[in-house]
Amino acid sequence: MERTAIKKHTGFWYVVKSLLSGLSLTWKHFKNARNRRTPEYVTDENYFKQADGQVTLKYPYEAIPVPDNGRYRLHNEIDDCIVCDLCAKICPVNCITIESVKATEDIGMTSDGTKKRLYAPVFDIDMAKCCYCGLCTTVCPTDCLTMTPVYDFPEVDIKNMVYHFTDLTPEQAEEKKQLFAKQQEEMAAAKAAVLAARKKA
């Protein structure tokens, strides 16, 4: 009986001691929380020196700097795109949809000097499907496809998660298709005329 009473007595003071220890720690953090930590990136030399202070940011008015190699929302600089289709082929979740139309005229060059030969009437990226693997940006030969620092882009309608990058309106795309079809017909007719002339000769 006496041993049980001693154990109960010891257990009671152990609980009180634990509570007081927890309260003192809470009070210490509460006191230190009068100061704010400045939002520093992890590579900054001041990052680990800020041991105390509030860490909660007033988002969206304040935000932690994102790393340069972070994987966030995709962007395509369509003027530098040669519509090679490599990004769509390597995408593991098929979130990139591309349609191309061959140009019948000179349409210029990309910023790195690559000649453009195709138009992109459709270049859609469905960010609702994207798994942010970054493979599409790796294979892009002109570096026109990049991942931006934008990581917060919520939408009410999931259809708004499809981003359209194109250098043609639907009307212009149809016109370019007709011009290319006409060019192919003329080339076929010219080839047939040459073959016919050879047969006669």
Protein backbone atom coordinates (compact mmCIF):
# COMPACT_ATOMS: atom_id res chain seq x y z
CA MET A 1 0.00 0.00 0.00
CA GLU A 2 2.79 2.40 0.94
CA ARG A 3 4.70 1.67 -2.29
CA THR A 4 1.58 2.38 -4.35
CA ALA A 5 1.07 5.69 -2.53
CA ILE A 6 4.72 6.66 -3.17
CA LYS A 7 4.38 5.79 -6.89
CA LYS A 8 1.19 7.88 -7.16
CA HIS A 9 2.87 10.74 -5.32
CA THR A 10 5.98 10.57 -7.57
CA GLY A 11 3.82 10.30 -10.72
CA PHE A 12 1.85 13.41 -9.76
CA TRP A 13 4.98 15.57 -9.39
CA TYR A 14 6.39 14.13 -12.63
CA VAL A 15 3.27 15.31 -14.47
CA VAL A 16 3.46 18.74 -12.83
CA LYS A 17 7.16 19.02 -13.75
CA SER A 18 6.41 18.08 -17.38
CA LEU A 19 3.60 20.65 -17.56
CA LEU A 20 5.79 23.39 -16.14
CA SER A 21 8.59 22.47 -18.58
CA GLY A 22 6.19 22.65 -21.53
CA LEU A 23 4.71 25.96 -20.33
CA SER A 24 8.15 27.50 -19.93
CA LEU A 25 9.08 26.47 -23.48
CA THR A 26 5.80 27.88 -24.80
CA TRP A 27 6.35 31.12 -22.91
CA LYS A 28 9.89 31.37 -24.30
CA HIS A 29 8.65 31.03 -27.90
CA PHE A 30 5.78 33.43 -27.19
CA LYS A 31 8.26 36.01 -25.92
CA ASN A 32 10.60 35.54 -28.91
CA ALA A 33 7.68 35.82 -31.33
CA ARG A 34 7.60 39.58 -30.79
CA ASN A 35 10.17 39.77 -33.59
CA ARG A 36 9.69 38.73 -37.22
CA ARG A 37 12.08 36.68 -39.28
CA THR A 38 12.92 38.24 -42.61
CA PRO A 39 12.08 36.01 -45.60
CA GLU A 40 15.49 34.68 -46.66
CA TYR A 41 16.30 31.94 -49.13
CA VAL A 42 18.06 28.86 -47.75
CA THR A 43 21.36 29.73 -49.46
CA ASP A 44 21.49 33.12 -47.78
CA GLU A 45 24.13 33.30 -45.01
CA ASN A 46 21.58 34.95 -42.69
CA TYR A 47 19.07 32.08 -43.03
CA PHE A 48 20.32 29.90 -40.14
CA LYS A 49 21.19 32.87 -37.94
CA GLN A 50 17.51 33.64 -37.44
CA ALA A 51 16.82 31.11 -34.70
CA ASP A 52 13.87 32.93 -33.15
CA GLY A 53 10.92 34.98 -34.31
CA GLN A 54 7.68 34.62 -36.21
CA VAL A 55 7.96 32.48 -39.33
CA THR A 56 4.40 32.80 -40.63
CA LEU A 57 4.27 35.08 -43.67
CA LYS A 58 1.38 37.35 -44.59
CA TYR A 59 0.66 35.53 -47.82
CA PRO A 60 0.05 36.70 -50.57
CA TYR A 61 1.58 40.04 -49.54
CA GLU A 62 4.73 38.23 -48.44
CA ALA A 63 6.24 35.13 -49.98
CA ILE A 64 9.36 33.03 -49.48
CA PRO A 65 11.75 33.35 -52.45
CA VAL A 66 11.54 30.31 -54.73
CA PRO A 67 14.66 28.44 -55.95
CA ASP A 68 15.93 29.18 -59.46
CA ASN A 69 15.64 25.53 -60.50
CA GLY A 70 12.12 25.06 -59.09
CA ARG A 71 9.48 23.27 -61.11
CA TYR A 72 6.37 25.41 -61.38
CA ARG A 73 4.03 26.69 -64.10
CA LEU A 74 5.18 26.11 -67.69
CA HIS A 75 5.53 28.89 -70.24
CA ASN A 76 6.27 28.68 -73.95
CA GLU A 77 7.88 31.59 -75.79
CA ILE A 78 6.08 30.86 -79.05
CA ASP A 79 8.32 33.20 -81.11
CA ASP A 80 11.29 30.91 -80.30
CA CYS A 81 9.35 27.65 -80.82
CA ILE A 82 10.19 25.60 -83.93
CA VAL A 83 7.22 23.23 -83.30
CA CYS A 84 9.51 20.20 -83.21
CA ASP A 85 7.01 18.23 -81.07
CA LEU A 86 9.76 16.80 -78.82
CA CYS A 87 8.13 18.15 -75.66
CA ALA A 88 4.79 16.50 -76.47
CA LYS A 89 6.49 13.18 -77.26
CA ILE A 90 8.50 13.02 -74.03
CA CYS A 91 5.66 14.17 -71.74
CA PRO A 92 4.74 11.16 -69.52
CA VAL A 93 1.20 12.42 -68.85
CA ASN A 94 0.37 13.80 -72.33
CA CYS A 95 -0.42 17.29 -71.07
CA ILE A 96 1.00 19.02 -74.19
CA THR A 97 -1.07 19.15 -77.40
CA ILE A 98 0.56 20.46 -80.57
CA GLU A 99 -0.62 20.90 -84.15
CA SER A 100 1.65 22.23 -86.87
CA VAL A 101 1.23 23.77 -90.31
CA LYS A 102 4.12 23.99 -92.78
CA ALA A 103 4.93 27.53 -93.84
CA THR A 104 4.85 28.40 -97.53
CA GLU A 105 6.99 31.50 -96.96
CA ASP A 106 9.94 32.60 -94.87
CA ILE A 107 8.73 33.10 -91.28
CA GLY A 108 12.00 34.18 -89.73
CA MET A 109 14.30 32.75 -87.09
CA THR A 110 14.33 32.11 -83.36
CA SER A 111 16.43 34.16 -80.94
CA ASP A 112 19.22 31.52 -81.09
CA GLY A 113 19.36 31.61 -84.91
CA THR A 114 17.30 28.48 -85.69
CA LYS A 115 15.23 28.81 -88.88
CA LYS A 116 11.47 28.48 -88.40
CA ARG A 117 9.58 26.33 -90.91
CA LEU A 118 6.34 25.54 -89.07
CA TYR A 119 3.45 27.46 -87.59
CA ALA A 120 1.75 26.32 -84.38
CA PRO A 121 -2.02 26.80 -84.72
CA VAL A 122 -2.40 24.72 -81.53
CA PHE A 123 0.05 24.63 -78.65
CA ASP A 124 -1.83 23.81 -75.45
CA ILE A 125 -0.41 22.86 -72.05
CA ASP A 126 -2.86 21.36 -69.54
CA MET A 127 -1.36 22.27 -66.16
CA ALA A 128 -4.05 20.20 -64.42
CA LYS A 129 -2.38 17.08 -65.88
CA CYS A 130 1.23 18.26 -65.57
CA CYS A 131 3.39 16.29 -63.10
CA TYR A 132 6.14 18.96 -63.09
CA CYS A 133 8.87 16.52 -64.09
CA GLY A 134 10.64 19.10 -66.26
CA LEU A 135 11.42 16.65 -69.08
CA CYS A 136 9.82 18.92 -71.70
CA THR A 137 12.13 21.80 -70.80
CA THR A 138 15.16 19.48 -70.98
CA VAL A 139 14.56 18.28 -74.55
CA CYS A 140 13.52 21.67 -75.97
CA PRO A 141 16.23 22.52 -78.56
CA THR A 142 15.61 26.30 -78.52
CA ASP A 143 14.93 26.64 -74.77
CA CYS A 144 11.56 28.27 -75.51
CA LEU A 145 9.78 26.05 -72.98
CA THR A 146 10.58 27.00 -69.40
CA MET A 147 9.22 26.60 -65.88
CA THR A 148 8.40 29.98 -64.36
CA PRO A 149 8.57 30.96 -60.65
CA VAL A 150 4.73 31.12 -60.59
CA TYR A 151 3.55 28.36 -58.23
CA ASP A 152 0.18 29.74 -57.11
CA PHE A 153 -2.38 29.65 -59.93
CA PRO A 154 -5.65 28.19 -58.57
CA GLU A 155 -8.74 28.12 -60.79
CA VAL A 156 -12.43 27.49 -60.09
CA ASP A 157 -12.96 25.93 -63.53
CA ILE A 158 -10.44 23.21 -64.43
CA LYS A 159 -10.69 24.21 -68.11
CA ASN A 160 -8.84 27.42 -67.21
CA MET A 161 -5.81 25.28 -66.33
CA VAL A 162 -5.22 24.77 -70.06
CA TYR A 163 -2.80 27.42 -71.29
CA HIS A 164 -2.86 28.30 -74.99
CA PHE A 165 0.34 29.32 -76.77
CA THR A 166 -0.10 29.91 -80.48
CA ASP A 167 1.16 32.28 -83.16
CA LEU A 168 -2.02 32.07 -85.28
CA THR A 169 -5.72 32.76 -84.90
CA PRO A 170 -8.09 29.96 -86.09
CA GLU A 171 -8.80 31.97 -89.26
CA GLN A 172 -5.08 32.46 -89.96
CA ALA A 173 -4.44 28.77 -89.32
CA GLU A 174 -7.09 27.77 -91.85
CA GLU A 175 -5.64 30.21 -94.38
CA LYS A 176 -2.12 28.78 -93.90
CA LYS A 177 -3.45 25.23 -94.31
CA GLN A 178 -5.13 26.19 -97.58
CA LEU A 179 -1.98 27.94 -98.84
CA PHE A 180 0.11 24.86 -98.05
CA ALA A 181 -2.43 22.54 -99.75
CA LYS A 182 -2.42 24.80 -102.81
CA GLN A 183 1.38 24.80 -102.87
CA GLN A 184 1.45 21.00 -102.69
CA GLU A 185 -1.05 20.77 -105.58
CA GLU A 186 1.06 23.14 -107.70
CA MET A 187 4.21 21.15 -106.91
CA ALA A 188 2.44 17.89 -107.80
CA ALA A 189 1.16 19.39 -111.06
CA ALA A 190 4.63 20.69 -111.96
CA LYS A 191 6.16 17.28 -111.20
CA ALA A 192 3.52 15.55 -113.34
CA ALA A 193 4.23 17.99 -116.20
CA VAL A 194 8.00 17.26 -116.03
CA LEU A 195 7.34 13.50 -116.08
CA ALA A 196 4.98 13.88 -119.03
CA ALA A 197 7.57 15.95 -120.92
CA ARG A 198 10.22 13.28 -120.26
CA LYS A 199 7.93 10.56 -121.62
CA LYS A 200 7.32 12.53 -124.80
CA ALA A 201 11.03 13.11 -125.26
